[in-house]
Amino acid sequence: MHTGEKQYVCGDCGQRFRESTDLLWHLLTHTGERTFTCIECDKSFCSSSQLTQHHHTHSRERPFTCPDCDQSFRQSFHLTQHRRIHT
């Protein structure tokens, strides 16, 4: 039975997680380990999703488009913020 209990605890700061993989990703914030490196500028990141997001700065790609006005954004978060102007 799934209880939602956060049984995985960070030994450095005490933050708790439901999934062991979430704890592993969190631990990278303490170690500073950055294993994902941009081939264009050598900047490095803790996760592949951060690297993908960074890649948009080089490609000028704006994959998130507002369905109301067709304005586009590099990050989904910025689209979410923008959409508030339409409500």
N, C-alpha and C. Protein backbone atom coordinates (compact mmCIF):
# COMPACT_ATOMS: atom_id res chain seq x y z
N MET A 1 0.84 -1.19 0.00
CA MET A 1 0.00 0.00 0.00
C MET A 1 0.88 1.24 0.00
N HIS A 2 0.54 2.21 -0.84
CA HIS A 2 1.31 3.43 -0.94
C HIS A 2 0.76 4.46 0.05
N THR A 3 1.62 4.92 0.94
CA THR A 3 1.17 5.85 1.98
C THR A 3 1.60 7.28 1.71
N GLY A 4 2.53 7.48 0.76
CA GLY A 4 3.03 8.82 0.51
C GLY A 4 4.09 9.25 1.51
N GLU A 5 4.52 8.33 2.34
CA GLU A 5 5.53 8.64 3.35
C GLU A 5 6.87 8.94 2.69
N LYS A 6 7.54 9.95 3.18
CA LYS A 6 8.85 10.33 2.67
C LYS A 6 9.91 9.64 3.51
N GLN A 7 10.27 8.42 3.10
CA GLN A 7 11.15 7.60 3.91
C GLN A 7 12.64 7.80 3.62
N TYR A 8 12.98 8.49 2.54
CA TYR A 8 14.38 8.69 2.18
C TYR A 8 14.82 10.07 2.67
N VAL A 9 15.85 10.11 3.51
CA VAL A 9 16.26 11.34 4.17
C VAL A 9 17.69 11.71 3.78
N CYS A 10 17.89 12.98 3.46
CA CYS A 10 19.22 13.48 3.16
C CYS A 10 20.01 13.60 4.46
N GLY A 11 21.17 12.97 4.50
CA GLY A 11 22.02 13.02 5.69
C GLY A 11 22.66 14.37 5.91
N ASP A 12 22.69 15.21 4.88
CA ASP A 12 23.32 16.53 5.02
C ASP A 12 22.37 17.60 5.55
N CYS A 13 21.13 17.60 5.05
CA CYS A 13 20.23 18.70 5.43
C CYS A 13 18.90 18.24 6.03
N GLY A 14 18.63 16.93 5.99
CA GLY A 14 17.40 16.42 6.59
C GLY A 14 16.18 16.45 5.70
N GLN A 15 16.30 16.96 4.49
CA GLN A 15 15.15 16.98 3.58
C GLN A 15 14.74 15.54 3.26
N ARG A 16 13.42 15.31 3.16
CA ARG A 16 12.89 13.97 2.97
C ARG A 16 12.28 13.82 1.58
N PHE A 17 12.33 12.56 1.07
CA PHE A 17 11.84 12.27 -0.28
C PHE A 17 11.06 10.96 -0.29
N ARG A 18 10.09 10.88 -1.20
CA ARG A 18 9.30 9.65 -1.35
C ARG A 18 10.07 8.60 -2.14
N GLU A 19 10.86 9.04 -3.11
CA GLU A 19 11.57 8.14 -4.01
C GLU A 19 13.07 8.22 -3.77
N SER A 20 13.74 7.09 -3.85
CA SER A 20 15.19 7.07 -3.66
C SER A 20 15.90 7.85 -4.76
N THR A 21 15.35 7.82 -5.97
CA THR A 21 15.98 8.55 -7.07
C THR A 21 15.93 10.06 -6.85
N ASP A 22 14.86 10.54 -6.22
CA ASP A 22 14.77 11.97 -5.90
C ASP A 22 15.85 12.36 -4.90
N LEU A 23 16.10 11.49 -3.93
CA LEU A 23 17.17 11.74 -2.97
C LEU A 23 18.52 11.78 -3.68
N LEU A 24 18.74 10.86 -4.60
CA LEU A 24 20.02 10.84 -5.32
C LEU A 24 20.24 12.13 -6.11
N TRP A 25 19.20 12.61 -6.79
CA TRP A 25 19.33 13.88 -7.51
C TRP A 25 19.59 15.02 -6.54
N HIS A 26 18.92 15.00 -5.41
CA HIS A 26 19.10 16.05 -4.40
C HIS A 26 20.53 16.06 -3.88
N LEU A 27 21.12 14.90 -3.68
CA LEU A 27 22.47 14.82 -3.13
C LEU A 27 23.48 15.55 -4.01
N LEU A 28 23.21 15.65 -5.30
CA LEU A 28 24.11 16.38 -6.20
C LEU A 28 24.20 17.86 -5.83
N THR A 29 23.16 18.39 -5.19
CA THR A 29 23.21 19.80 -4.78
C THR A 29 24.24 20.01 -3.69
N HIS A 30 24.53 18.97 -2.92
CA HIS A 30 25.52 19.08 -1.85
C HIS A 30 26.93 18.78 -2.35
N THR A 31 27.07 17.87 -3.30
CA THR A 31 28.40 17.49 -3.78
C THR A 31 28.92 18.44 -4.85
N GLY A 32 28.00 19.11 -5.54
CA GLY A 32 28.40 20.00 -6.62
C GLY A 32 28.79 19.25 -7.88
N GLU A 33 28.55 17.94 -7.91
CA GLU A 33 28.90 17.13 -9.07
C GLU A 33 28.04 17.54 -10.27
N ARG A 34 28.71 17.81 -11.37
CA ARG A 34 28.02 18.23 -12.60
C ARG A 34 28.53 17.37 -13.74
N THR A 35 27.78 16.33 -14.06
CA THR A 35 28.24 15.34 -15.03
C THR A 35 27.72 15.57 -16.44
N PHE A 36 26.86 16.55 -16.64
CA PHE A 36 26.29 16.82 -17.96
C PHE A 36 26.88 18.12 -18.50
N THR A 37 27.67 18.03 -19.56
CA THR A 37 28.42 19.18 -20.07
C THR A 37 27.96 19.57 -21.47
N CYS A 38 27.79 20.87 -21.66
CA CYS A 38 27.40 21.41 -22.96
C CYS A 38 28.59 21.31 -23.92
N ILE A 39 28.35 20.76 -25.10
CA ILE A 39 29.44 20.60 -26.07
C ILE A 39 29.78 21.91 -26.77
N GLU A 40 28.91 22.92 -26.62
CA GLU A 40 29.16 24.19 -27.29
C GLU A 40 29.94 25.18 -26.43
N CYS A 41 29.74 25.15 -25.11
CA CYS A 41 30.41 26.15 -24.27
C CYS A 41 31.09 25.54 -23.03
N ASP A 42 31.03 24.23 -22.86
CA ASP A 42 31.65 23.53 -21.73
C ASP A 42 31.04 23.82 -20.37
N LYS A 43 29.91 24.50 -20.33
CA LYS A 43 29.22 24.70 -19.06
C LYS A 43 28.65 23.36 -18.63
N SER A 44 28.67 23.05 -17.32
CA SER A 44 28.20 21.74 -16.87
C SER A 44 27.03 21.87 -15.91
N PHE A 45 26.24 20.78 -15.83
CA PHE A 45 24.99 20.77 -15.08
C PHE A 45 24.83 19.48 -14.30
N CYS A 46 23.96 19.50 -13.29
CA CYS A 46 23.70 18.33 -12.45
C CYS A 46 22.78 17.32 -13.11
N SER A 47 21.95 17.76 -14.05
CA SER A 47 20.98 16.84 -14.64
C SER A 47 20.87 17.06 -16.15
N SER A 48 20.40 16.04 -16.84
CA SER A 48 20.23 16.15 -18.29
C SER A 48 19.14 17.16 -18.64
N SER A 49 18.13 17.29 -17.78
CA SER A 49 17.07 18.26 -18.07
C SER A 49 17.59 19.69 -17.98
N GLN A 50 18.52 19.95 -17.05
CA GLN A 50 19.13 21.28 -16.97
C GLN A 50 19.96 21.57 -18.22
N LEU A 51 20.68 20.55 -18.69
CA LEU A 51 21.47 20.71 -19.91
C LEU A 51 20.57 20.98 -21.11
N THR A 52 19.47 20.25 -21.22
CA THR A 52 18.52 20.46 -22.32
C THR A 52 17.98 21.88 -22.30
N GLN A 53 17.61 22.34 -21.12
CA GLN A 53 17.10 23.70 -20.96
C GLN A 53 18.18 24.71 -21.39
N HIS A 54 19.41 24.48 -20.98
CA HIS A 54 20.52 25.36 -21.35
C HIS A 54 20.74 25.37 -22.86
N HIS A 55 20.57 24.23 -23.49
CA HIS A 55 20.80 24.11 -24.93
C HIS A 55 19.92 25.07 -25.73
N HIS A 56 18.76 25.39 -25.22
CA HIS A 56 17.86 26.32 -25.91
C HIS A 56 18.50 27.70 -26.05
N THR A 57 19.43 28.06 -25.15
CA THR A 57 20.08 29.37 -25.26
C THR A 57 20.98 29.43 -26.48
N HIS A 58 21.56 28.30 -26.87
CA HIS A 58 22.42 28.26 -28.05
C HIS A 58 21.62 28.15 -29.34
N SER A 59 20.57 27.38 -29.32
CA SER A 59 19.80 27.12 -30.53
C SER A 59 18.75 28.18 -30.82
N ARG A 60 18.50 29.02 -29.83
CA ARG A 60 17.43 30.03 -29.92
C ARG A 60 16.06 29.38 -30.08
N GLU A 61 15.99 28.09 -29.80
CA GLU A 61 14.73 27.35 -29.90
C GLU A 61 13.78 27.83 -28.81
N ARG A 62 12.52 27.98 -29.17
CA ARG A 62 11.47 28.37 -28.23
C ARG A 62 10.32 27.37 -28.40
N PRO A 63 10.44 26.22 -27.75
CA PRO A 63 9.49 25.13 -27.99
C PRO A 63 8.14 25.27 -27.31
N PHE A 64 7.96 26.26 -26.44
CA PHE A 64 6.71 26.39 -25.69
C PHE A 64 5.94 27.60 -26.22
N THR A 65 4.80 27.33 -26.87
CA THR A 65 4.04 28.38 -27.55
C THR A 65 2.68 28.58 -26.89
N CYS A 66 2.34 29.84 -26.71
CA CYS A 66 1.04 30.19 -26.13
C CYS A 66 -0.06 29.91 -27.15
N PRO A 67 -1.07 29.14 -26.78
CA PRO A 67 -2.16 28.84 -27.71
C PRO A 67 -3.08 30.04 -27.96
N ASP A 68 -2.98 31.06 -27.11
CA ASP A 68 -3.85 32.22 -27.25
C ASP A 68 -3.28 33.29 -28.17
N CYS A 69 -1.95 33.47 -28.15
CA CYS A 69 -1.38 34.56 -28.95
C CYS A 69 -0.14 34.16 -29.75
N ASP A 70 0.25 32.90 -29.68
CA ASP A 70 1.39 32.37 -30.44
C ASP A 70 2.76 32.90 -30.00
N GLN A 71 2.83 33.60 -28.88
CA GLN A 71 4.15 33.99 -28.37
C GLN A 71 4.86 32.73 -27.88
N SER A 72 6.16 32.64 -28.10
CA SER A 72 6.88 31.43 -27.73
C SER A 72 7.95 31.71 -26.68
N PHE A 73 8.30 30.64 -25.95
CA PHE A 73 9.21 30.75 -24.81
C PHE A 73 10.18 29.58 -24.79
N ARG A 74 11.33 29.81 -24.18
CA ARG A 74 12.34 28.75 -24.07
C ARG A 74 12.01 27.77 -22.95
N GLN A 75 11.30 28.24 -21.92
CA GLN A 75 11.00 27.40 -20.76
C GLN A 75 9.50 27.34 -20.52
N SER A 76 9.02 26.16 -20.11
CA SER A 76 7.59 25.99 -19.86
C SER A 76 7.12 26.90 -18.72
N PHE A 77 7.99 27.13 -17.75
CA PHE A 77 7.64 28.01 -16.63
C PHE A 77 7.27 29.41 -17.12
N HIS A 78 8.03 29.93 -18.08
CA HIS A 78 7.75 31.26 -18.60
C HIS A 78 6.43 31.30 -19.37
N LEU A 79 6.11 30.22 -20.06
CA LEU A 79 4.81 30.14 -20.73
C LEU A 79 3.69 30.15 -19.69
N THR A 80 3.86 29.39 -18.63
CA THR A 80 2.84 29.35 -17.57
C THR A 80 2.61 30.74 -16.99
N GLN A 81 3.69 31.46 -16.72
CA GLN A 81 3.56 32.82 -16.20
C GLN A 81 2.85 33.73 -17.21
N HIS A 82 3.24 33.63 -18.46
CA HIS A 82 2.66 34.46 -19.52
C HIS A 82 1.16 34.23 -19.66
N ARG A 83 0.74 32.99 -19.58
CA ARG A 83 -0.67 32.65 -19.81
C ARG A 83 -1.60 33.34 -18.83
N ARG A 84 -1.07 33.79 -17.72
CA ARG A 84 -1.90 34.50 -16.73
C ARG A 84 -2.46 35.81 -17.28
N ILE A 85 -1.80 36.39 -18.27
CA ILE A 85 -2.31 37.66 -18.82
C ILE A 85 -3.58 37.45 -19.63
N HIS A 86 -3.83 36.22 -20.03
CA HIS A 86 -5.01 35.93 -20.84
C HIS A 86 -6.24 35.58 -20.00
N THR A 87 -6.09 35.46 -18.70
CA THR A 87 -7.24 35.08 -17.86
C THR A 87 -7.87 36.28 -17.21
